[in-house]
PDB file of N, CA and C in Angstrom:
ATOM      1  N   UNK A   1     -27.982 -55.095 -27.193  1.00  0.00           N
ATOM      2  CA  UNK A   1     -27.193 -54.654 -26.062  1.00  0.00           C
ATOM      3  C   UNK A   1     -26.269 -55.804 -25.643  1.00  0.00           C
ATOM      4  N   UNK A   2     -24.998 -55.527 -25.505  1.00  0.00           N
ATOM      5  CA  UNK A   2     -24.053 -56.579 -25.129  1.00  0.00           C
ATOM      6  C   UNK A   2     -23.898 -56.634 -23.623  1.00  0.00           C
ATOM      7  N   UNK A   3     -23.473 -57.797 -23.115  1.00  0.00           N
ATOM      8  CA  UNK A   3     -23.339 -57.936 -21.661  1.00  0.00           C
ATOM      9  C   UNK A   3     -22.264 -57.003 -21.111  1.00  0.00           C
ATOM     10  N   UNK A   4     -21.268 -56.625 -21.922  1.00  0.00           N
ATOM     11  CA  UNK A   4     -20.229 -55.730 -21.441  1.00  0.00           C
ATOM     12  C   UNK A   4     -20.807 -54.349 -21.129  1.00  0.00           C
ATOM     13  N   UNK A   5     -21.762 -53.890 -21.922  1.00  0.00           N
ATOM     14  CA  UNK A   5     -22.334 -52.555 -21.725  1.00  0.00           C
ATOM     15  C   UNK A   5     -23.290 -52.501 -20.541  1.00  0.00           C
ATOM     16  N   UNK A   6     -23.928 -53.615 -20.218  1.00  0.00           N
ATOM     17  CA  UNK A   6     -24.927 -53.604 -19.155  1.00  0.00           C
ATOM     18  C   UNK A   6     -24.389 -54.123 -17.824  1.00  0.00           C
ATOM     19  N   UNK A   7     -23.127 -54.499 -17.783  1.00  0.00           N
ATOM     20  CA  UNK A   7     -22.529 -54.936 -16.534  1.00  0.00           C
ATOM     21  C   UNK A   7     -22.674 -56.410 -16.230  1.00  0.00           C
ATOM     22  N   UNK A   8     -23.366 -57.170 -17.077  1.00  0.00           N
ATOM     23  CA  UNK A   8     -23.548 -58.597 -16.812  1.00  0.00           C
ATOM     24  C   UNK A   8     -22.235 -59.354 -16.904  1.00  0.00           C
ATOM     25  N   UNK A   9     -21.309 -58.875 -17.729  1.00  0.00           N
ATOM     26  CA  UNK A   9     -20.047 -59.588 -17.938  1.00  0.00           C
ATOM     27  C   UNK A   9     -19.236 -59.698 -16.651  1.00  0.00           C
ATOM     28  N   UNK A  10     -19.466 -58.822 -15.704  1.00  0.00           N
ATOM     29  CA  UNK A  10     -18.714 -58.854 -14.451  1.00  0.00           C
ATOM     30  C   UNK A  10     -19.325 -59.800 -13.419  1.00  0.00           C
ATOM     31  N   UNK A  11     -20.490 -60.346 -13.726  1.00  0.00           N
ATOM     32  CA  UNK A  11     -21.153 -61.254 -12.796  1.00  0.00           C
ATOM     33  C   UNK A  11     -20.459 -62.601 -12.761  1.00  0.00           C
ATOM     34  N   UNK A  12     -20.400 -63.184 -11.584  1.00  0.00           N
ATOM     35  CA  UNK A  12     -19.934 -64.553 -11.457  1.00  0.00           C
ATOM     36  C   UNK A  12     -21.019 -65.496 -11.955  1.00  0.00           C
ATOM     37  N   UNK A  13     -20.662 -66.757 -12.111  1.00  0.00           N
ATOM     38  CA  UNK A  13     -21.619 -67.733 -12.616  1.00  0.00           C
ATOM     39  C   UNK A  13     -22.873 -67.802 -11.741  1.00  0.00           C
ATOM     40  N   UNK A  14     -22.690 -67.920 -10.436  1.00  0.00           N
ATOM     41  CA  UNK A  14     -23.837 -68.073  -9.542  1.00  0.00           C
ATOM     42  C   UNK A  14     -24.747 -66.853  -9.583  1.00  0.00           C
ATOM     43  N   UNK A  15     -24.155 -65.663  -9.638  1.00  0.00           N
ATOM     44  CA  UNK A  15     -24.955 -64.438  -9.707  1.00  0.00           C
ATOM     45  C   UNK A  15     -25.765 -64.399 -11.002  1.00  0.00           C
ATOM     46  N   UNK A  16     -25.114 -64.693 -12.122  1.00  0.00           N
ATOM     47  CA  UNK A  16     -25.801 -64.682 -13.412  1.00  0.00           C
ATOM     48  C   UNK A  16     -26.900 -65.737 -13.443  1.00  0.00           C
ATOM     49  N   UNK A  17     -26.604 -66.926 -12.908  1.00  0.00           N
ATOM     50  CA  UNK A  17     -27.595 -68.003 -12.874  1.00  0.00           C
ATOM     51  C   UNK A  17     -28.805 -67.608 -12.040  1.00  0.00           C
ATOM     52  N   UNK A  18     -28.557 -67.010 -10.872  1.00  0.00           N
ATOM     53  CA  UNK A  18     -29.659 -66.607 -10.002  1.00  0.00           C
ATOM     54  C   UNK A  18     -30.526 -65.542 -10.663  1.00  0.00           C
ATOM     55  N   UNK A  19     -29.883 -64.581 -11.327  1.00  0.00           N
ATOM     56  CA  UNK A  19     -30.655 -63.548 -12.029  1.00  0.00           C
ATOM     57  C   UNK A  19     -31.443 -64.159 -13.189  1.00  0.00           C
ATOM     58  N   UNK A  20     -30.835 -65.123 -13.878  1.00  0.00           N
ATOM     59  CA  UNK A  20     -31.529 -65.794 -14.979  1.00  0.00           C
ATOM     60  C   UNK A  20     -32.751 -66.549 -14.455  1.00  0.00           C
ATOM     61  N   UNK A  21     -32.602 -67.224 -13.329  1.00  0.00           N
ATOM     62  CA  UNK A  21     -33.741 -67.925 -12.735  1.00  0.00           C
ATOM     63  C   UNK A  21     -34.866 -66.963 -12.383  1.00  0.00           C
ATOM     64  N   UNK A  22     -34.503 -65.784 -11.888  1.00  0.00           N
ATOM     65  CA  UNK A  22     -35.524 -64.780 -11.559  1.00  0.00           C
ATOM     66  C   UNK A  22     -36.232 -64.300 -12.818  1.00  0.00           C
ATOM     67  N   UNK A  23     -35.498 -64.107 -13.892  1.00  0.00           N
ATOM     68  CA  UNK A  23     -36.105 -63.701 -15.169  1.00  0.00           C
ATOM     69  C   UNK A  23     -37.100 -64.766 -15.621  1.00  0.00           C
ATOM     70  N   UNK A  24     -36.700 -66.032 -15.527  1.00  0.00           N
ATOM     71  CA  UNK A  24     -37.588 -67.129 -15.938  1.00  0.00           C
ATOM     72  C   UNK A  24     -38.850 -67.125 -15.081  1.00  0.00           C
ATOM     73  N   UNK A  25     -38.695 -66.940 -13.776  1.00  0.00           N
ATOM     74  CA  UNK A  25     -39.870 -66.897 -12.881  1.00  0.00           C
ATOM     75  C   UNK A  25     -40.828 -65.782 -13.286  1.00  0.00           C
ATOM     76  N   UNK A  26     -40.258 -64.595 -13.561  1.00  0.00           N
ATOM     77  CA  UNK A  26     -41.095 -63.463 -13.948  1.00  0.00           C
ATOM     78  C   UNK A  26     -41.823 -63.725 -15.260  1.00  0.00           C
ATOM     79  N   UNK A  27     -41.119 -64.316 -16.222  1.00  0.00           N
ATOM     80  CA  UNK A  27     -41.760 -64.619 -17.505  1.00  0.00           C
ATOM     81  C   UNK A  27     -42.851 -65.668 -17.336  1.00  0.00           C
ATOM     82  N   UNK A  28     -42.577 -66.672 -16.520  1.00  0.00           N
ATOM     83  CA  UNK A  28     -43.564 -67.732 -16.299  1.00  0.00           C
ATOM     84  C   UNK A  28     -44.789 -67.222 -15.549  1.00  0.00           C
ATOM     85  N   UNK A  29     -44.585 -66.230 -14.679  1.00  0.00           N
ATOM     86  CA  UNK A  29     -45.698 -65.684 -13.902  1.00  0.00           C
ATOM     87  C   UNK A  29     -46.679 -64.932 -14.792  1.00  0.00           C
ATOM     88  N   UNK A  30     -46.164 -64.410 -15.909  1.00  0.00           N
ATOM     89  CA  UNK A  30     -47.046 -63.690 -16.833  1.00  0.00           C
ATOM     90  C   UNK A  30     -47.440 -62.333 -16.284  1.00  0.00           C
ATOM     91  N   UNK A  31     -48.459 -61.729 -16.910  1.00  0.00           N
ATOM     92  CA  UNK A  31     -48.954 -60.446 -16.458  1.00  0.00           C
ATOM     93  C   UNK A  31     -48.134 -59.259 -16.933  1.00  0.00           C
ATOM     94  N   UNK A  32     -47.131 -59.490 -17.759  1.00  0.00           N
ATOM     95  CA  UNK A  32     -46.298 -58.407 -18.266  1.00  0.00           C
ATOM     96  C   UNK A  32     -46.805 -58.008 -19.648  1.00  0.00           C
ATOM     97  N   UNK A  33     -46.530 -56.760 -19.995  1.00  0.00           N
ATOM     98  CA  UNK A  33     -46.851 -56.322 -21.347  1.00  0.00           C
ATOM     99  C   UNK A  33     -45.895 -57.007 -22.316  1.00  0.00           C
ATOM    100  N   UNK A  34     -46.208 -56.932 -23.596  1.00  0.00           N
ATOM    101  CA  UNK A  34     -45.340 -57.529 -24.598  1.00  0.00           C
ATOM    102  C   UNK A  34     -43.952 -56.902 -24.526  1.00  0.00           C
ATOM    103  N   UNK A  35     -43.878 -55.591 -24.388  1.00  0.00           N
ATOM    104  CA  UNK A  35     -42.586 -54.902 -24.329  1.00  0.00           C
ATOM    105  C   UNK A  35     -41.792 -55.334 -23.095  1.00  0.00           C
ATOM    106  N   UNK A  36     -42.456 -55.423 -21.945  1.00  0.00           N
ATOM    107  CA  UNK A  36     -41.777 -55.865 -20.716  1.00  0.00           C
ATOM    108  C   UNK A  36     -41.280 -57.304 -20.860  1.00  0.00           C
ATOM    109  N   UNK A  37     -42.101 -58.149 -21.460  1.00  0.00           N
ATOM    110  CA  UNK A  37     -41.716 -59.541 -21.663  1.00  0.00           C
ATOM    111  C   UNK A  37     -40.513 -59.642 -22.589  1.00  0.00           C
ATOM    112  N   UNK A  38     -40.498 -58.847 -23.662  1.00  0.00           N
ATOM    113  CA  UNK A  38     -39.356 -58.859 -24.581  1.00  0.00           C
ATOM    114  C   UNK A  38     -38.087 -58.381 -23.890  1.00  0.00           C
ATOM    115  N   UNK A  39     -38.198 -57.357 -23.062  1.00  0.00           N
ATOM    116  CA  UNK A  39     -37.025 -56.867 -22.327  1.00  0.00           C
ATOM    117  C   UNK A  39     -36.498 -57.940 -21.371  1.00  0.00           C
ATOM    118  N   UNK A  40     -37.412 -58.616 -20.691  1.00  0.00           N
ATOM    119  CA  UNK A  40     -36.993 -59.702 -19.804  1.00  0.00           C
ATOM    120  C   UNK A  40     -36.331 -60.830 -20.584  1.00  0.00           C
ATOM    121  N   UNK A  41     -36.910 -61.169 -21.740  1.00  0.00           N
ATOM    122  CA  UNK A  41     -36.341 -62.225 -22.576  1.00  0.00           C
ATOM    123  C   UNK A  41     -34.911 -61.871 -22.989  1.00  0.00           C
ATOM    124  N   UNK A  42     -34.723 -60.621 -23.429  1.00  0.00           N
ATOM    125  CA  UNK A  42     -33.391 -60.170 -23.846  1.00  0.00           C
ATOM    126  C   UNK A  42     -32.405 -60.223 -22.674  1.00  0.00           C
ATOM    127  N   UNK A  43     -32.862 -59.809 -21.504  1.00  0.00           N
ATOM    128  CA  UNK A  43     -32.010 -59.885 -20.313  1.00  0.00           C
ATOM    129  C   UNK A  43     -31.633 -61.341 -20.041  1.00  0.00           C
ATOM    130  N   UNK A  44     -32.608 -62.228 -20.154  1.00  0.00           N
ATOM    131  CA  UNK A  44     -32.350 -63.645 -19.943  1.00  0.00           C
ATOM    132  C   UNK A  44     -31.341 -64.200 -20.939  1.00  0.00           C
ATOM    133  N   UNK A  45     -31.449 -63.803 -22.193  1.00  0.00           N
ATOM    134  CA  UNK A  45     -30.498 -64.253 -23.213  1.00  0.00           C
ATOM    135  C   UNK A  45     -29.079 -63.797 -22.859  1.00  0.00           C
ATOM    136  N   UNK A  46     -28.944 -62.570 -22.424  1.00  0.00           N
ATOM    137  CA  UNK A  46     -27.626 -62.043 -22.057  1.00  0.00           C
ATOM    138  C   UNK A  46     -27.059 -62.775 -20.845  1.00  0.00           C
ATOM    139  N   UNK A  47     -27.901 -63.009 -19.860  1.00  0.00           N
ATOM    140  CA  UNK A  47     -27.459 -63.740 -18.672  1.00  0.00           C
ATOM    141  C   UNK A  47     -27.082 -65.179 -19.024  1.00  0.00           C
ATOM    142  N   UNK A  48     -27.826 -65.792 -19.928  1.00  0.00           N
ATOM    143  CA  UNK A  48     -27.502 -67.154 -20.359  1.00  0.00           C
ATOM    144  C   UNK A  48     -26.139 -67.180 -21.051  1.00  0.00           C
ATOM    145  N   UNK A  49     -25.826 -66.153 -21.830  1.00  0.00           N
ATOM    146  CA  UNK A  49     -24.507 -66.090 -22.485  1.00  0.00           C
ATOM    147  C   UNK A  49     -23.388 -65.987 -21.448  1.00  0.00           C
ATOM    148  N   UNK A  50     -23.624 -65.193 -20.407  1.00  0.00           N
ATOM    149  CA  UNK A  50     -22.620 -65.065 -19.338  1.00  0.00           C
ATOM    150  C   UNK A  50     -22.414 -66.424 -18.675  1.00  0.00           C
ATOM    151  N   UNK A  51     -23.494 -67.112 -18.371  1.00  0.00           N
ATOM    152  CA  UNK A  51     -23.386 -68.444 -17.747  1.00  0.00           C
ATOM    153  C   UNK A  51     -22.635 -69.397 -18.665  1.00  0.00           C
ATOM    154  N   UNK A  52     -22.954 -69.373 -19.945  1.00  0.00           N
ATOM    155  CA  UNK A  52     -22.300 -70.268 -20.889  1.00  0.00           C
ATOM    156  C   UNK A  52     -20.806 -69.993 -20.972  1.00  0.00           C
ATOM    157  N   UNK A  53     -20.413 -68.728 -20.953  1.00  0.00           N
ATOM    158  CA  UNK A  53     -18.983 -68.395 -20.982  1.00  0.00           C
ATOM    159  C   UNK A  53     -18.269 -68.950 -19.743  1.00  0.00           C
ATOM    160  N   UNK A  54     -18.914 -68.826 -18.591  1.00  0.00           N
ATOM    161  CA  UNK A  54     -18.319 -69.386 -17.363  1.00  0.00           C
ATOM    162  C   UNK A  54     -18.190 -70.905 -17.472  1.00  0.00           C
ATOM    163  N   UNK A  55     -19.221 -71.556 -17.977  1.00  0.00           N
ATOM    164  CA  UNK A  55     -19.179 -73.011 -18.105  1.00  0.00           C
ATOM    165  C   UNK A  55     -18.133 -73.450 -19.123  1.00  0.00           C
ATOM    166  N   UNK A  56     -18.008 -72.717 -20.225  1.00  0.00           N
ATOM    167  CA  UNK A  56     -16.976 -73.040 -21.215  1.00  0.00           C
ATOM    168  C   UNK A  56     -15.584 -72.900 -20.600  1.00  0.00           C
ATOM    169  N   UNK A  57     -15.386 -71.859 -19.806  1.00  0.00           N
ATOM    170  CA  UNK A  57     -14.100 -71.674 -19.133  1.00  0.00           C
ATOM    171  C   UNK A  57     -13.804 -72.813 -18.169  1.00  0.00           C
ATOM    172  N   UNK A  58     -14.820 -73.247 -17.447  1.00  0.00           N
ATOM    173  CA  UNK A  58     -14.638 -74.365 -16.515  1.00  0.00           C
ATOM    174  C   UNK A  58     -14.320 -75.651 -17.272  1.00  0.00           C
ATOM    175  N   UNK A  59     -15.025 -75.877 -18.393  1.00  0.00           N
ATOM    176  CA  UNK A  59     -14.752 -77.066 -19.201  1.00  0.00           C
ATOM    177  C   UNK A  59     -13.310 -77.066 -19.706  1.00  0.00           C
ATOM    178  N   UNK A  60     -12.855 -75.909 -20.153  1.00  0.00           N
ATOM    179  CA  UNK A  60     -11.489 -75.805 -20.671  1.00  0.00           C
ATOM    180  C   UNK A  60     -10.479 -76.098 -19.557  1.00  0.00           C
ATOM    181  N   UNK A  61     -10.715 -75.550 -18.382  1.00  0.00           N
ATOM    182  CA  UNK A  61      -9.801 -75.815 -17.267  1.00  0.00           C
ATOM    183  C   UNK A  61      -9.751 -77.300 -16.940  1.00  0.00           C
ATOM    184  N   UNK A  62     -10.905 -77.950 -16.929  1.00  0.00           N
ATOM    185  CA  UNK A  62     -10.957 -79.384 -16.648  1.00  0.00           C
ATOM    186  C   UNK A  62     -10.237 -80.163 -17.741  1.00  0.00           C
ATOM    187  N   UNK A  63     -10.522 -79.836 -19.006  1.00  0.00           N
ATOM    188  CA  UNK A  63      -9.864 -80.521 -20.120  1.00  0.00           C
ATOM    189  C   UNK A  63      -8.350 -80.339 -20.062  1.00  0.00           C
ATOM    190  N   UNK A  64      -7.910 -79.111 -19.773  1.00  0.00           N
ATOM    191  CA  UNK A  64      -6.476 -78.845 -19.673  1.00  0.00           C
ATOM    192  C   UNK A  64      -5.842 -79.658 -18.545  1.00  0.00           C
ATOM    193  N   UNK A  65      -6.523 -79.716 -17.417  1.00  0.00           N
ATOM    194  CA  UNK A  65      -5.997 -80.472 -16.276  1.00  0.00           C
ATOM    195  C   UNK A  65      -5.947 -81.960 -16.600  1.00  0.00           C
ATOM    196  N   UNK A  66      -7.001 -82.478 -17.218  1.00  0.00           N
ATOM    197  CA  UNK A  66      -7.009 -83.890 -17.592  1.00  0.00           C
ATOM    198  C   UNK A  66      -5.904 -84.197 -18.600  1.00  0.00           C
ATOM    199  N   UNK A  67      -5.670 -83.288 -19.527  1.00  0.00           N
ATOM    200  CA  UNK A  67      -4.615 -83.487 -20.521  1.00  0.00           C
ATOM    201  C   UNK A  67      -3.244 -83.504 -19.846  1.00  0.00           C
ATOM    202  N   UNK A  68      -3.045 -82.604 -18.889  1.00  0.00           N
ATOM    203  CA  UNK A  68      -1.739 -82.567 -18.224  1.00  0.00           C
ATOM    204  C   UNK A  68      -1.537 -83.802 -17.346  1.00  0.00           C
ATOM    205  N   UNK A  69      -2.586 -84.307 -16.740  1.00  0.00           N
ATOM    206  CA  UNK A  69      -2.485 -85.531 -15.945  1.00  0.00           C
ATOM    207  C   UNK A  69      -2.207 -86.711 -16.868  1.00  0.00           C
ATOM    208  N   UNK A  70      -2.871 -86.747 -18.012  1.00  0.00           N
ATOM    209  CA  UNK A  70      -2.654 -87.818 -18.981  1.00  0.00           C
ATOM    210  C   UNK A  70      -1.237 -87.827 -19.497  1.00  0.00           C
ATOM    211  N   UNK A  71      -0.663 -86.657 -19.734  1.00  0.00           N
ATOM    212  CA  UNK A  71       0.718 -86.570 -20.206  1.00  0.00           C
ATOM    213  C   UNK A  71       1.680 -87.069 -19.137  1.00  0.00           C
ATOM    214  N   UNK A  72       1.399 -86.779 -17.890  1.00  0.00           N
ATOM    215  CA  UNK A  72       2.275 -87.210 -16.797  1.00  0.00           C
ATOM    216  C   UNK A  72       2.226 -88.729 -16.624  1.00  0.00           C
ATOM    217  N   UNK A  73       1.096 -89.331 -16.983  1.00  0.00           N
ATOM    218  CA  UNK A  73       0.940 -90.777 -16.829  1.00  0.00           C
ATOM    219  C   UNK A  73       1.515 -91.576 -17.990  1.00  0.00           C
ATOM    220  N   UNK A  74       1.836 -90.897 -19.101  1.00  0.00           N
ATOM    221  CA  UNK A  74       2.347 -91.613 -20.276  1.00  0.00           C
ATOM    222  C   UNK A  74       3.758 -92.109 -20.021  1.00  0.00           C
ATOM    223  N   UNK A  75       4.042 -93.333 -20.438  1.00  0.00           N
ATOM    224  CA  UNK A  75       5.415 -93.828 -20.288  1.00  0.00           C
ATOM    225  C   UNK A  75       6.347 -93.073 -21.243  1.00  0.00           C
ATOM    226  N   UNK A  76       7.614 -92.978 -20.905  1.00  0.00           N
ATOM    227  CA  UNK A  76       8.546 -92.280 -21.794  1.00  0.00           C
ATOM    228  C   UNK A  76       8.642 -93.008 -23.130  1.00  0.00           C
ATOM    229  N   UNK A  77       8.889 -92.248 -24.167  1.00  0.00           N
ATOM    230  CA  UNK A  77       9.023 -92.850 -25.484  1.00  0.00           C
ATOM    231  C   UNK A  77      10.345 -93.604 -25.576  1.00  0.00           C
ATOM    232  N   UNK A  78      10.515 -94.426 -26.610  1.00  0.00           N
ATOM    233  CA  UNK A  78      11.727 -95.244 -26.766  1.00  0.00           C
ATOM    234  C   UNK A  78      12.978 -94.409 -26.908  1.00  0.00           C
ATOM    235  N   UNK A  79      12.840 -93.183 -27.378  1.00  0.00           N
ATOM    236  CA  UNK A  79      14.000 -92.314 -27.595  1.00  0.00           C
ATOM    237  C   UNK A  79      14.510 -91.677 -26.325  1.00  0.00           C
ATOM    238  N   UNK A  80      13.829 -91.824 -25.216  1.00  0.00           N
ATOM    239  CA  UNK A  80      14.249 -91.156 -23.974  1.00  0.00           C
ATOM    240  C   UNK A  80      14.991 -92.073 -23.066  1.00  0.00           C
TER     241      UNK A  80
END
């Protein structure tokens, strides 16, 4: 099941992270059947992918901003 089909893709980073933390708590608490545990694990994997996509986007924005600041700080070349 992909995150687009289950609605996870529309979650913001904080929402996905909070839901992922809840999944981890439930798994750590135990007491679930094997099938319930597998479903929770799969949900956690999907939520982790959503979080990772948000973090990758943030990294790219930071890298892009740092690159543009670095370009502005470079002295003009000899040809200019």
